[in-house]
Amino acid sequence: MHASDPTFPLFPILSLLAVIVSFIPFPWHFRARNIGTCAYMLSTGLFSLVEFINSIIWADNVNNVAPVWCDISAQVIIGAGVGITSSTLAISRQLYNISVLKGQSKTPKEKRIDIIINSIVMLLHIIVQPRRFDIFEEIGCQPATFNTVAAYLLYFIWPILIGLCSFVYSVLTLRNFYIHRVEFTKVASTTSGMSPSRYIRLMLLVFVDMFCNTPIGVFAIIVSARAAVLPFSTLSQAVDFTKVEFITASEWKADPLYHAIVEINRWVPVFCSFVFFGFFGFAEEAKKNYRIVYEKSKKLLGGGDRKMTGSKPLRPSRGN
């Protein structure tokens, strides 16, 4: 049934696990007001959830069986895609502030800026959206983008620009970390509540994301630019928001480079989810929270048992 897709059922299984591991550390990061990491988990988790559902529904067909879901999920893919890189930028900016011994987290204004960036990208995509959405066999519904110069300037360029900003912050952070390495531990722990080990894990997360998503953004532009880039003026003639394009697996796999970028794009959120959990799911703060959950569960289950067996057993009468 799924002979053409060697990743089935591996991809649905891993994408579902990616959703789970994305949200396991979320409660304590949310309590600690770690906005950057929370945004990262939400982006990877929602993206992975969409890819999981899509991979099940459209595993072997291109039928438009869930148009409303496609309308919603296409926007989630756009927002979560840029959300991963923008949350990485937020983390790198926070690390930079600590490295210059400010030790401050994001201000409300900076948080609003990140939300505005995600919203702007989704709105800009509408400008270069020629039809309602596309459905890829084995992949599911995806946002449709008109191949024009405007698409590269308004949509495709964002992951690269945000990645470059993260790179600049990361270089400055490493420089400041080296200069202020003696004072760093005291400032990080007392002012920002961040341990040196957590700081290093966040730095590694930024570097992994930066050196993965930025090259992927460049690769996507190269692959798209090989096709005929049409003038923006022709968009008015091509726009039809009632239209849905259906692409079979044999069609999108015919071009090796296009095949590669389609597969890479759907595996990115899964990879990012597991990378994040690898850095933070086994840390000391995570183990502490696991123990708390375990103790509460044990107490809850134990309390239930005591209620059931709480009455004292009747003792046999001595006279018998």
Protein backbone atom coordinates (compact mmCIF):
# COMPACT_ATOMS: atom_id res chain seq x y z
CA MET A 1 0.00 0.00 0.00
CA HIS A 2 2.81 2.41 0.86
CA ALA A 3 5.55 0.83 -1.25
CA SER A 4 6.48 4.21 -2.74
CA ASP A 5 7.14 5.75 0.68
CA PRO A 6 9.99 3.97 2.48
CA THR A 7 9.51 6.24 5.53
CA PHE A 8 6.00 4.93 6.27
CA PRO A 9 5.12 4.20 9.08
CA LEU A 10 8.43 5.46 10.52
CA PHE A 11 7.68 9.11 9.82
CA PRO A 12 4.20 9.18 11.44
CA ILE A 13 5.56 7.37 14.49
CA LEU A 14 8.53 9.72 14.90
CA SER A 15 6.46 12.83 14.22
CA LEU A 16 3.98 11.77 16.93
CA LEU A 17 6.86 11.16 19.34
CA ALA A 18 8.22 14.59 18.34
CA VAL A 19 4.93 16.17 19.43
CA ILE A 20 5.17 14.41 22.80
CA VAL A 21 8.83 15.25 23.50
CA SER A 22 8.25 18.86 22.41
CA PHE A 23 5.71 19.42 25.18
CA ILE A 24 7.21 17.31 27.98
CA PRO A 25 9.57 20.12 29.15
CA PHE A 26 7.01 22.85 28.40
CA PRO A 27 5.40 23.19 31.89
CA TRP A 28 8.57 24.05 33.81
CA HIS A 29 9.93 26.29 31.03
CA PHE A 30 6.59 28.11 31.06
CA ARG A 31 6.68 28.49 34.85
CA ALA A 32 10.20 29.91 34.57
CA ARG A 33 8.95 32.38 31.91
CA ASN A 34 11.47 31.11 29.35
CA ILE A 35 9.62 32.65 26.42
CA GLY A 36 12.21 31.75 23.78
CA THR A 37 12.28 28.04 24.62
CA CYS A 38 8.48 27.94 25.02
CA ALA A 39 8.06 29.46 21.55
CA TYR A 40 10.54 26.92 20.19
CA MET A 41 8.60 24.00 21.71
CA LEU A 42 5.27 25.34 20.48
CA SER A 43 6.63 25.81 16.95
CA THR A 44 8.23 22.37 16.68
CA GLY A 45 5.33 20.65 18.46
CA LEU A 46 2.57 22.18 16.34
CA PHE A 47 4.56 21.71 13.13
CA SER A 48 5.18 18.03 13.99
CA LEU A 49 1.49 17.56 14.86
CA VAL A 50 0.44 18.91 11.46
CA GLU A 51 2.96 16.69 9.68
CA PHE A 52 1.81 13.66 11.66
CA ILE A 53 -1.86 14.16 10.74
CA ASN A 54 -1.00 14.94 7.12
CA SER A 55 1.17 11.85 6.75
CA ILE A 56 -1.71 9.65 7.94
CA ILE A 57 -4.53 11.21 5.91
CA TRP A 58 -2.60 11.55 2.64
CA ALA A 59 -0.36 8.48 2.95
CA ASP A 60 -1.48 7.09 -0.42
CA ASN A 61 -3.80 9.66 -2.01
CA VAL A 62 -4.19 13.27 -3.13
CA ASN A 63 -7.90 13.63 -2.42
CA ASN A 64 -9.18 16.89 -0.98
CA VAL A 65 -10.85 15.16 1.97
CA ALA A 66 -10.25 17.89 4.59
CA PRO A 67 -10.22 21.35 2.97
CA VAL A 68 -10.76 23.30 6.21
CA TRP A 69 -7.94 21.37 7.88
CA CYS A 70 -5.70 22.23 4.91
CA ASP A 71 -6.56 25.94 5.20
CA ILE A 72 -5.57 25.88 8.88
CA SER A 73 -2.54 23.58 8.65
CA ALA A 74 -1.03 25.50 5.72
CA GLN A 75 -0.96 28.63 7.90
CA VAL A 76 0.48 26.65 10.82
CA ILE A 77 3.28 25.41 8.55
CA ILE A 78 4.11 28.98 7.50
CA GLY A 79 3.97 30.36 11.04
CA ALA A 80 5.73 27.46 12.76
CA GLY A 81 8.42 27.36 10.08
CA VAL A 82 9.50 30.92 10.77
CA GLY A 83 8.65 30.45 14.46
CA ILE A 84 11.47 27.93 14.92
CA THR A 85 14.10 30.33 13.60
CA SER A 86 12.65 33.42 15.30
CA SER A 87 12.50 31.66 18.68
CA THR A 88 16.13 30.67 18.16
CA LEU A 89 16.90 34.33 17.55
CA ALA A 90 15.07 35.19 20.78
CA ILE A 91 17.19 32.67 22.69
CA SER A 92 20.45 33.93 21.15
CA ARG A 93 19.43 37.51 22.01
CA GLN A 94 18.80 36.50 25.63
CA LEU A 95 22.18 34.75 25.81
CA TYR A 96 23.84 37.86 24.40
CA ASN A 97 22.23 40.03 27.09
CA ILE A 98 23.60 37.69 29.75
CA SER A 99 27.04 37.65 28.12
CA VAL A 100 27.33 41.44 28.43
CA LEU A 101 26.45 40.98 32.12
CA LYS A 102 22.97 42.46 31.78
CA GLY A 103 21.42 39.14 32.70
CA GLN A 104 18.00 40.30 31.53
CA SER A 105 15.35 38.25 29.80
CA LYS A 106 13.08 39.47 27.04
CA THR A 107 11.08 42.60 27.61
CA PRO A 108 7.35 42.66 26.78
CA LYS A 109 8.21 44.80 23.74
CA GLU A 110 10.65 42.16 22.42
CA LYS A 111 8.05 39.41 22.95
CA ARG A 112 5.54 41.41 20.91
CA ILE A 113 8.13 41.88 18.16
CA ASP A 114 8.56 38.11 17.78
CA ILE A 115 4.78 37.63 17.50
CA ILE A 116 4.59 40.47 14.97
CA ILE A 117 7.37 38.89 12.84
CA ASN A 118 5.49 35.58 12.64
CA SER A 119 2.24 37.37 11.78
CA ILE A 120 3.93 39.52 9.11
CA VAL A 121 5.41 36.48 7.37
CA MET A 122 1.99 34.81 7.20
CA LEU A 123 0.44 38.00 5.82
CA LEU A 124 3.26 38.50 3.29
CA HIS A 125 2.79 34.96 2.05
CA ILE A 126 -0.80 35.83 1.08
CA ILE A 127 0.63 38.36 -1.39
CA VAL A 128 2.44 35.58 -3.26
CA GLN A 129 -0.20 32.88 -2.76
CA PRO A 130 -1.72 31.94 -6.14
CA ARG A 131 -4.28 29.38 -4.96
CA ARG A 132 -5.89 27.95 -1.84
CA PHE A 133 -3.28 25.24 -1.09
CA ASP A 134 -1.44 22.26 -2.57
CA ILE A 135 -1.83 18.59 -1.66
CA PHE A 136 1.21 16.34 -2.01
CA GLU A 137 0.73 12.59 -1.95
CA GLU A 138 2.45 11.12 1.16
CA ILE A 139 3.11 14.66 2.49
CA GLY A 140 -0.33 16.24 2.76
CA CYS A 141 -1.52 19.82 2.38
CA GLN A 142 1.10 22.53 1.98
CA PRO A 143 0.99 26.31 1.43
CA ALA A 144 1.06 27.29 -2.25
CA THR A 145 3.61 29.92 -3.31
CA PHE A 146 3.80 31.75 -6.64
CA ASN A 147 7.32 31.46 -8.06
CA THR A 148 8.10 35.14 -8.50
CA VAL A 149 10.89 37.47 -7.32
CA ALA A 150 8.49 38.88 -4.72
CA ALA A 151 8.17 35.41 -3.15
CA TYR A 152 11.91 35.32 -2.48
CA LEU A 153 11.93 38.83 -1.00
CA LEU A 154 8.75 38.50 1.04
CA TYR A 155 8.71 34.83 2.08
CA PHE A 156 11.70 32.60 1.33
CA ILE A 157 14.30 35.06 2.63
CA TRP A 158 13.06 35.17 6.25
CA PRO A 159 14.72 32.00 7.64
CA ILE A 160 18.02 33.15 6.14
CA LEU A 161 17.81 36.70 7.52
CA ILE A 162 16.77 35.50 10.98
CA GLY A 163 19.51 32.84 10.91
CA LEU A 164 22.12 35.48 10.05
CA CYS A 165 20.91 37.66 12.94
CA SER A 166 21.26 34.65 15.27
CA PHE A 167 24.77 34.09 13.90
CA VAL A 168 25.79 37.69 14.71
CA TYR A 169 24.39 37.42 18.25
CA SER A 170 26.11 34.06 18.73
CA VAL A 171 29.52 35.38 17.64
CA LEU A 172 29.18 38.39 19.95
CA THR A 173 28.02 36.11 22.76
CA LEU A 174 31.04 33.83 22.43
CA ARG A 175 33.31 36.86 22.38
CA ASN A 176 31.70 38.34 25.51
CA PHE A 177 31.63 34.96 27.22
CA TYR A 178 35.39 34.66 26.72
CA ILE A 179 36.06 38.21 27.95
CA HIS A 180 33.78 37.99 31.00
CA ARG A 181 34.18 34.29 31.76
CA VAL A 182 35.19 34.97 35.37
CA GLU A 183 32.15 37.12 36.19
CA PHE A 184 29.75 35.10 34.05
CA THR A 185 28.81 32.36 36.52
CA LYS A 186 27.85 34.83 39.24
CA VAL A 187 25.84 37.12 36.93
CA ALA A 188 24.10 34.25 35.10
CA SER A 189 22.95 32.50 38.25
CA THR A 190 22.00 35.50 40.38
CA THR A 191 20.57 37.91 37.82
CA SER A 192 18.96 35.65 35.22
CA GLY A 193 18.50 32.45 37.22
CA MET A 194 20.41 30.50 34.59
CA SER A 195 23.07 27.94 35.40
CA PRO A 196 26.24 27.74 33.26
CA SER A 197 25.26 24.25 32.04
CA ARG A 198 21.86 25.49 30.88
CA TYR A 199 23.52 28.47 29.21
CA ILE A 200 25.83 26.15 27.26
CA ARG A 201 22.92 23.88 26.26
CA LEU A 202 21.01 26.88 24.93
CA MET A 203 24.09 27.97 22.99
CA LEU A 204 24.38 24.51 21.45
CA LEU A 205 20.69 24.56 20.54
CA VAL A 206 21.14 27.91 18.78
CA PHE A 207 24.15 26.64 16.83
CA VAL A 208 22.45 23.40 15.78
CA ASP A 209 19.36 25.25 14.60
CA MET A 210 21.38 27.98 12.90
CA PHE A 211 23.64 25.59 10.99
CA CYS A 212 20.65 23.45 9.92
CA ASN A 213 17.79 25.80 9.12
CA THR A 214 19.79 28.59 7.46
CA PRO A 215 21.44 26.28 4.86
CA ILE A 216 18.06 24.62 4.29
CA GLY A 217 16.59 28.06 3.57
CA VAL A 218 19.35 28.71 1.04
CA PHE A 219 18.82 25.28 -0.51
CA ALA A 220 15.07 25.91 -0.83
CA ILE A 221 15.73 29.15 -2.70
CA ILE A 222 18.19 27.43 -5.06
CA VAL A 223 15.74 24.62 -5.82
CA SER A 224 12.84 27.03 -6.41
CA ALA A 225 14.93 29.39 -8.54
CA ARG A 226 15.76 26.62 -11.02
CA ALA A 227 12.17 26.81 -12.29
CA ALA A 228 10.94 29.75 -14.36
CA VAL A 229 10.70 32.79 -12.06
CA LEU A 230 7.67 34.67 -13.35
CA PRO A 231 7.09 38.44 -13.19
CA PHE A 232 4.99 39.55 -10.24
CA SER A 233 2.54 41.21 -12.65
CA THR A 234 1.39 37.77 -13.82
CA LEU A 235 0.18 36.89 -10.32
CA SER A 236 -3.09 38.75 -10.87
CA GLN A 237 -3.82 36.45 -13.80
CA ALA A 238 -2.84 33.30 -11.88
CA VAL A 239 -4.64 33.93 -8.57
CA ASP A 240 -7.58 31.64 -7.88
CA PHE A 241 -8.23 31.04 -4.18
CA THR A 242 -10.81 28.36 -4.99
CA LYS A 243 -8.20 26.24 -6.77
CA VAL A 244 -6.32 23.34 -5.17
CA GLU A 245 -3.37 21.70 -6.90
CA PHE A 246 -2.78 17.96 -6.52
CA ILE A 247 0.77 16.56 -6.83
CA THR A 248 1.26 12.80 -6.89
CA ALA A 249 4.30 11.17 -5.32
CA SER A 250 5.71 10.24 -8.73
CA GLU A 251 5.55 13.92 -9.79
CA TRP A 252 7.29 15.53 -6.82
CA LYS A 253 9.85 12.72 -6.62
CA ALA A 254 10.77 12.97 -10.31
CA ASP A 255 13.25 15.81 -9.65
CA PRO A 256 15.91 14.61 -7.13
CA LEU A 257 16.57 18.11 -5.74
CA TYR A 258 12.88 18.93 -5.36
CA HIS A 259 12.35 15.51 -3.77
CA ALA A 260 15.15 16.30 -1.32
CA ILE A 261 13.82 19.70 -0.24
CA VAL A 262 10.27 18.38 0.24
CA GLU A 263 11.53 15.55 2.44
CA ILE A 264 13.92 17.81 4.35
CA ASN A 265 11.18 20.36 5.09
CA ARG A 266 8.89 17.78 6.65
CA TRP A 267 11.67 16.21 8.74
CA VAL A 268 12.97 19.55 10.10
CA PRO A 269 10.40 19.95 12.94
CA VAL A 270 10.84 16.31 13.95
CA PHE A 271 14.61 16.71 14.08
CA CYS A 272 14.37 20.01 16.00
CA SER A 273 11.99 18.46 18.54
CA PHE A 274 14.35 15.61 19.34
CA VAL A 275 17.37 17.93 19.45
CA PHE A 276 15.62 20.14 22.00
CA PHE A 277 14.60 17.16 24.11
CA GLY A 278 18.14 15.79 23.88
CA PHE A 279 19.49 19.02 25.35
CA PHE A 280 16.80 19.64 27.98
CA GLY A 281 14.85 16.42 28.50
CA PHE A 282 17.65 14.76 30.48
CA ALA A 283 19.01 17.82 32.31
CA GLU A 284 19.01 18.06 36.09
CA GLU A 285 15.98 20.39 36.16
CA ALA A 286 14.10 17.91 33.96
CA LYS A 287 14.97 14.99 36.24
CA LYS A 288 13.82 17.05 39.21
CA ASN A 289 10.45 17.66 37.56
CA TYR A 290 10.16 14.00 36.57
CA ARG A 291 10.68 13.06 40.23
CA ILE A 292 8.02 15.55 41.33
CA VAL A 293 5.52 14.13 38.83
CA TYR A 294 6.43 10.59 39.87
CA GLU A 295 6.01 11.34 43.58
CA LYS A 296 2.67 13.07 43.00
CA SER A 297 1.45 10.18 40.85
CA LYS A 298 2.65 7.68 43.43
CA LYS A 299 0.92 9.59 46.22
CA LEU A 300 -2.26 9.90 44.18
CA LEU A 301 -2.35 6.21 43.34
CA GLY A 302 -1.30 5.27 46.86
CA GLY A 303 -4.02 7.52 48.30
CA GLY A 304 -6.58 5.76 46.16
CA ASP A 305 -5.44 2.39 47.49
CA ARG A 306 -5.64 3.61 51.07
CA LYS A 307 -9.18 4.80 50.55
CA MET A 308 -10.15 1.40 49.24
CA THR A 309 -8.40 -0.53 52.00
CA GLY A 310 -8.46 2.13 54.70
CA SER A 311 -10.95 0.42 57.03
CA LYS A 312 -9.39 -1.87 59.61
CA PRO A 313 -9.92 -5.58 59.08
CA LEU A 314 -12.29 -7.24 61.56
CA ARG A 315 -10.43 -9.19 64.20
CA PRO A 316 -11.68 -12.64 65.07
CA SER A 317 -13.46 -12.79 68.40
CA ARG A 318 -11.37 -14.30 71.18
CA GLY A 319 -14.38 -16.15 72.44
CA ASN A 320 -14.67 -18.26 69.30
